[in-house]
Protein backbone atom coordinates (compact mmCIF):
# COMPACT_ATOMS: atom_id res chain seq x y z
CA MET A 1 -106.90 16.58 -8.27
CA THR A 2 -107.03 19.01 -5.33
CA LEU A 3 -109.40 21.93 -4.98
CA CYS A 4 -106.51 24.30 -5.74
CA ASP A 5 -105.81 22.37 -8.94
CA HIS A 6 -109.47 22.69 -9.99
CA VAL A 7 -109.43 26.44 -9.30
CA GLN A 8 -106.22 26.89 -11.28
CA LYS A 9 -107.69 24.89 -14.18
CA CYS A 10 -110.78 27.11 -14.18
CA GLY A 11 -108.55 30.16 -14.22
CA GLN A 12 -106.64 28.82 -17.22
CA LEU A 13 -109.86 28.10 -19.14
CA LEU A 14 -111.19 31.58 -18.39
CA THR A 15 -107.99 33.43 -19.28
CA PRO A 16 -108.94 33.97 -22.97
CA LEU A 17 -112.21 35.53 -21.79
CA TYR A 18 -110.29 37.74 -19.35
CA ASP A 19 -107.91 38.82 -22.11
CA LEU A 20 -110.83 39.68 -24.38
CA MET A 21 -112.51 41.74 -21.65
CA HIS A 22 -109.18 43.48 -21.05
CA PHE A 23 -108.92 44.38 -24.74
CA ARG A 24 -112.47 45.68 -24.79
CA LEU A 25 -112.02 47.65 -21.56
CA LEU A 26 -109.11 49.54 -23.13
CA GLN A 27 -111.49 50.80 -25.83
CA SER A 28 -113.45 52.76 -23.20
CA PHE A 29 -113.84 56.51 -23.38
CA ALA A 30 -113.25 56.68 -19.63
CA ILE A 31 -112.13 54.08 -17.08
CA HIS A 32 -112.62 54.07 -13.31
CA ALA A 33 -109.60 52.76 -11.36
CA ASP A 34 -108.82 52.07 -7.70
CA ASP A 35 -106.77 49.71 -5.53
CA THR A 36 -106.75 48.12 -2.09
CA PRO A 37 -104.03 46.26 -0.12
CA LEU A 38 -104.09 42.51 0.55
CA LEU A 39 -101.83 40.31 2.67
CA LEU A 40 -99.65 37.95 0.66
CA LEU A 41 -98.16 35.05 2.62
CA ARG A 42 -95.55 33.61 0.25
CA PRO A 43 -93.46 35.71 0.18
CA ARG A 44 -94.93 37.63 3.12
CA ARG A 45 -95.59 41.14 1.92
CA THR A 46 -98.40 43.52 1.00
CA ALA A 47 -100.06 42.72 -2.30
CA TYR A 48 -102.56 44.97 -4.06
CA ALA A 49 -105.79 44.40 -5.91
CA TRP A 50 -106.32 46.94 -8.69
CA VAL A 51 -109.78 47.32 -10.19
CA TYR A 52 -110.65 48.85 -13.56
CA LEU A 53 -114.18 49.55 -14.80
CA GLY A 54 -114.96 50.05 -18.47
CA ASP A 55 -117.66 52.42 -19.70
CA ALA A 56 -121.22 51.61 -20.79
CA GLN A 57 -120.07 50.42 -24.22
CA ASN A 58 -117.45 48.15 -22.63
CA PRO A 59 -119.16 47.04 -19.40
CA TYR A 60 -116.44 44.94 -17.82
CA THR A 61 -114.94 45.07 -14.33
CA LEU A 62 -111.39 43.73 -14.26
CA PHE A 63 -109.08 43.02 -11.36
CA ASP A 64 -105.30 42.86 -11.53
CA LEU A 65 -103.62 41.50 -8.39
CA SER A 66 -99.96 42.39 -7.94
CA ALA A 67 -97.20 41.73 -5.41
CA GLY A 68 -96.71 45.42 -4.59
CA ARG A 69 -97.97 48.87 -5.53
CA SER A 70 -95.36 49.99 -8.03
CA HIS A 71 -96.47 52.41 -10.74
CA THR A 72 -95.41 49.76 -13.25
CA PHE A 73 -98.53 47.69 -12.51
CA PRO A 74 -101.22 50.18 -13.66
CA GLN A 75 -98.97 51.33 -16.47
CA ARG A 76 -98.57 47.77 -17.72
CA PHE A 77 -102.28 46.98 -17.42
CA LEU A 78 -103.31 50.22 -19.17
CA GLU A 79 -100.57 50.14 -21.81
CA GLY A 80 -101.83 51.66 -25.04
CA TYR A 81 -104.91 53.22 -23.43
CA ARG A 82 -105.72 56.70 -24.73
CA GLY A 83 -108.91 57.55 -22.88
CA PHE A 84 -109.66 59.29 -19.59
CA ILE A 85 -109.07 57.80 -16.13
CA HIS A 86 -111.20 58.38 -13.04
CA ALA A 87 -108.78 57.88 -10.15
CA ASP A 88 -107.45 59.35 -6.93
CA ALA A 89 -104.22 61.33 -6.79
CA TYR A 90 -101.91 58.27 -6.86
CA ASP A 91 -99.06 59.23 -9.18
CA GLY A 92 -98.80 55.72 -10.58
CA TYR A 93 -101.38 56.71 -13.18
CA ASN A 94 -99.53 59.85 -14.28
CA ALA A 95 -97.68 58.20 -17.15
CA VAL A 96 -100.99 56.94 -18.53
CA HIS A 97 -103.18 60.03 -18.34
CA ASN A 98 -100.41 62.69 -18.37
CA ASN A 99 -102.66 64.77 -16.08
CA VAL A 100 -104.64 66.08 -19.08
CA ARG A 101 -106.86 62.96 -19.12
CA HIS A 102 -107.17 62.58 -15.36
CA LEU A 103 -110.63 62.88 -13.85
CA GLY A 104 -110.45 63.70 -10.16
CA CYS A 105 -112.70 62.47 -7.39
CA TRP A 106 -114.83 64.83 -5.32
CA MET A 107 -115.39 62.03 -2.78
CA HIS A 108 -111.67 62.10 -1.99
CA ALA A 109 -111.59 65.90 -1.78
CA ARG A 110 -114.60 65.85 0.53
CA ARG A 111 -112.99 63.32 2.90
CA TYR A 112 -110.10 65.64 3.59
CA PHE A 113 -112.51 68.36 4.74
CA VAL A 114 -114.57 65.87 6.77
CA GLU A 115 -111.38 64.91 8.63
CA ALA A 116 -110.52 68.59 9.15
CA GLU A 117 -113.95 69.71 10.38
CA PRO A 118 -113.55 68.69 14.07
CA SER A 119 -110.41 70.84 14.39
CA ASP A 120 -111.34 73.71 12.05
CA PRO A 121 -114.96 74.89 11.56
CA ARG A 122 -114.01 76.52 8.26
CA ALA A 123 -114.15 73.04 6.74
CA VAL A 124 -117.94 73.17 7.11
CA GLU A 125 -118.08 75.88 4.45
CA ALA A 126 -116.01 73.74 2.07
CA LEU A 127 -118.35 70.83 2.66
CA ALA A 128 -121.29 73.09 1.80
CA PHE A 129 -119.69 73.93 -1.55
CA ILE A 130 -119.19 70.25 -2.32
CA ARG A 131 -122.71 69.38 -1.20
CA THR A 132 -124.06 71.94 -3.68
CA ILE A 133 -122.00 70.36 -6.50
CA TYR A 134 -123.60 67.01 -5.75
CA ALA A 135 -127.03 68.65 -5.63
CA VAL A 136 -126.55 69.68 -9.27
CA GLU A 137 -125.69 66.06 -10.13
CA ARG A 138 -128.88 64.86 -8.44
CA GLU A 139 -130.85 67.44 -10.39
CA ILE A 140 -129.37 66.16 -13.66
CA LYS A 141 -130.24 62.57 -12.69
CA ASP A 142 -133.82 63.58 -11.84
CA GLU A 143 -134.21 65.44 -15.14
CA ARG A 144 -132.89 62.46 -17.09
CA GLU A 145 -135.32 60.10 -15.35
CA LYS A 146 -138.25 62.48 -15.86
CA LEU A 147 -137.62 63.43 -19.48
CA GLY A 148 -136.09 60.17 -20.73
CA GLU A 149 -134.55 60.31 -24.20
CA THR A 150 -135.56 63.94 -24.67
CA PHE A 151 -132.98 64.88 -22.05
CA THR A 152 -129.73 64.86 -24.02
CA ASP A 153 -126.06 64.72 -23.09
CA ALA A 154 -125.85 68.35 -24.21
CA ASP A 155 -128.54 69.22 -21.65
CA ALA A 156 -126.48 67.56 -18.91
CA VAL A 157 -123.38 69.53 -19.89
CA ARG A 158 -125.38 72.76 -20.02
CA LEU A 159 -126.69 72.22 -16.48
CA ARG A 160 -123.25 71.38 -15.18
CA GLN A 161 -121.67 74.43 -16.74
CA THR A 162 -124.41 76.92 -15.87
CA ARG A 163 -125.15 75.66 -12.34
CA ALA A 164 -122.07 73.83 -11.10
CA GLY A 165 -119.66 76.08 -13.02
CA PRO A 166 -120.29 79.26 -10.95
CA ILE A 167 -120.17 77.22 -7.72
CA LEU A 168 -116.78 75.82 -8.70
CA ALA A 169 -115.47 79.26 -9.59
CA THR A 170 -116.55 80.66 -6.21
CA PHE A 171 -115.11 77.64 -4.42
CA ALA A 172 -111.75 78.10 -6.20
CA ASP A 173 -111.60 81.72 -5.02
CA TRP A 174 -112.53 80.64 -1.50
CA LEU A 175 -109.77 78.00 -1.45
CA GLY A 176 -107.22 80.60 -2.56
CA GLU A 177 -108.33 82.99 0.17
CA GLN A 178 -108.34 80.33 2.92
CA ARG A 179 -104.91 79.07 1.90
CA ARG A 180 -103.39 82.36 3.03
CA HIS A 181 -104.76 81.86 6.55
CA ALA A 182 -104.38 78.09 6.98
CA THR A 183 -101.49 76.30 8.62
CA PRO A 184 -100.03 74.14 5.81
CA LYS A 185 -99.53 71.03 7.95
CA SER A 186 -102.93 71.22 9.63
CA LEU A 187 -105.72 68.94 8.44
CA PHE A 188 -107.54 71.95 7.05
CA GLY A 189 -104.42 73.15 5.27
CA GLN A 190 -103.84 69.70 3.77
CA ALA A 191 -107.47 69.55 2.61
CA ILE A 192 -107.06 72.89 0.84
CA GLU A 193 -103.82 71.83 -0.82
CA TYR A 194 -105.33 68.57 -2.04
CA SER A 195 -108.21 70.36 -3.73
CA ARG A 196 -105.99 73.06 -5.20
CA ASN A 197 -103.41 70.58 -6.48
CA GLN A 198 -106.11 68.43 -8.04
CA TRP A 199 -108.28 71.30 -9.24
CA SER A 200 -107.85 70.84 -13.00
CA SER A 201 -108.88 67.18 -12.73
CA LEU A 202 -111.69 67.90 -10.25
CA VAL A 203 -113.47 70.41 -12.52
CA ARG A 204 -112.99 68.46 -15.77
CA PHE A 205 -116.30 66.61 -15.24
CA ILE A 206 -118.39 69.64 -16.28
CA ASP A 207 -117.19 69.40 -19.90
CA ASP A 208 -118.66 66.02 -20.87
CA SER A 209 -121.75 64.15 -19.67
CA ARG A 210 -119.84 60.86 -19.81
CA PHE A 211 -117.57 62.04 -17.00
CA ALA A 212 -118.52 61.23 -13.41
CA VAL A 213 -118.24 63.66 -10.52
CA ASP A 214 -116.32 61.10 -8.47
CA ASN A 215 -114.74 57.65 -8.54
CA GLY A 216 -117.50 56.00 -6.55
CA GLU A 217 -118.01 53.24 -9.12
CA ALA A 218 -114.50 51.89 -8.61
CA GLU A 219 -114.73 52.20 -4.83
CA ARG A 220 -117.99 50.23 -4.81
CA ALA A 221 -116.49 47.58 -7.10
CA ILE A 222 -113.48 47.02 -4.85
CA ARG A 223 -115.39 47.19 -1.55
CA PRO A 224 -116.19 43.43 -1.48
CA LEU A 225 -112.45 42.73 -1.37
CA ALA A 226 -111.89 45.30 1.37
CA VAL A 227 -114.72 43.73 3.42
CA GLY A 228 -113.96 40.14 2.48
CA ARG A 229 -110.32 40.17 3.55
CA SER A 230 -111.57 40.35 7.15
CA ASN A 231 -112.90 36.81 6.56
CA TRP A 232 -110.42 35.15 4.22
CA LEU A 233 -107.50 37.18 5.67
CA HIS A 234 -104.81 36.65 3.02
CA VAL A 235 -103.69 35.40 -0.39
CA GLY A 236 -101.64 32.22 -0.08
CA GLY A 237 -98.88 32.94 -2.60
CA ASP A 238 -97.96 35.08 -5.57
CA GLY A 239 -98.51 32.08 -7.87
CA GLY A 240 -102.26 32.48 -7.37
CA LEU A 241 -102.49 36.20 -8.14
CA LYS A 242 -103.21 35.70 -11.84
CA THR A 243 -105.85 33.04 -11.20
CA ALA A 244 -107.50 35.24 -8.58
CA SER A 245 -107.48 38.19 -11.00
CA VAL A 246 -109.21 36.14 -13.69
CA LEU A 247 -111.88 34.62 -11.44
CA LEU A 248 -112.65 37.90 -9.66
CA SER A 249 -112.94 39.72 -12.99
CA VAL A 250 -115.26 37.21 -14.61
CA CYS A 251 -117.54 37.10 -11.57
CA ALA A 252 -117.57 40.89 -11.12
CA SER A 253 -118.35 41.47 -14.80
CA ALA A 254 -121.15 38.91 -14.64
CA THR A 255 -122.58 40.59 -11.54
CA ARG A 256 -122.45 43.91 -13.37
CA GLN A 257 -124.87 42.38 -15.91
CA ARG A 258 -127.11 41.22 -13.04
CA LEU A 259 -126.26 37.60 -13.80
CA ASN A 260 -125.94 34.76 -11.33
CA PRO A 261 -122.14 34.30 -11.38
CA TRP A 262 -122.36 30.60 -10.55
CA ALA A 263 -124.82 29.83 -13.37
CA TYR A 264 -122.79 31.96 -15.77
CA LEU A 265 -119.49 30.29 -14.83
CA ARG A 266 -120.88 26.75 -15.18
CA ASP A 267 -122.16 27.45 -18.68
CA VAL A 268 -119.11 29.38 -19.86
CA LEU A 269 -116.62 26.83 -18.51
CA ASP A 270 -118.46 24.04 -20.34
CA HIS A 271 -118.25 25.98 -23.60
CA LEU A 272 -114.59 26.96 -23.16
CA ALA A 273 -113.58 23.39 -22.31
CA ALA A 274 -115.06 22.22 -25.62
CA ARG A 275 -113.29 24.87 -27.71
CA SER A 276 -109.72 25.40 -28.79
CA ALA A 277 -107.69 27.94 -26.80
CA ASP A 278 -107.60 30.39 -29.72
CA ALA A 279 -111.33 30.22 -30.53
CA ASP A 280 -113.32 33.47 -30.49
CA ALA A 281 -115.00 33.88 -27.09
CA SER A 282 -116.97 37.05 -27.87
CA ASP A 283 -120.30 35.24 -27.53
CA LEU A 284 -119.34 34.25 -23.98
CA LEU A 285 -118.70 37.79 -22.72
CA PRO A 286 -121.11 38.57 -19.85
CA ASP A 287 -123.07 41.22 -21.78
CA ALA A 288 -123.39 39.03 -24.89
CA TRP A 289 -124.30 36.00 -22.76
CA ALA A 290 -126.98 38.00 -20.93
CA ILE A 291 -128.57 39.16 -24.20
CA ARG A 292 -128.61 35.65 -25.69
CA HIS A 293 -130.14 34.04 -22.60
CA ALA A 294 -132.72 36.81 -22.26
CA ARG A 295 -133.91 35.97 -25.77
CA LEU A 296 -134.04 32.25 -24.97
CA ASN A 297 -136.11 32.90 -21.88
């Protein structure tokens, strides 16, 4: 049996665990989503790795590798999902969140102004607004760490609405004023249009403490692929996309629980090999596995 055969066999054994994590992820109140391109050799084309992060109650990081970037891929993966989605402005998610459950990303909005700053100093003022929004988030984090359980989710919402709310209102007025004096096709003009077009999703975070101010979690989760492709260069063929999705997801979800992925995989594969394909694998989920082994140790 070749190495590829062994890898494919591992992927098949782990598929029920992947499916269970997928089911649990779709129970999340809010999901973080992002994607990055990969080179696919057979057939030669651009493939994409999509990443989806569940919330604290469903702490799984799942990858879905696809031979293209059609909107059908996130729609198929998120079929039946009724929660909120942290994502960029890619319209492939529109059918899932219908714009009313879309949580925008201030990191993306900020990047547009960073790119515009060398050619238009007015972008500096926009960056100052965004910096102040993040300062409120740091203040909330500090208060939560200092006060512990006495600092409630309601306290976080109150701080966002009373401190970030007025900043956002002033920033919205500023964007409207600057739009009248900006060249639409300039970098500064494009930065303004991005923020204005995404405004309803960008300000939604102030209404619930479970919402994040940006999509940084998904970007950090997918960064190893973006960095790693400089070393492994490509995916051999579309036949391996499913296996890669399963293995990446299991390892990423284990890492999220601060587990050693290799030790976790060895134990889980032994258990799965000894069970029937339709056996309940809930006890092998990374969070359940971590709790059980913490008790044993």
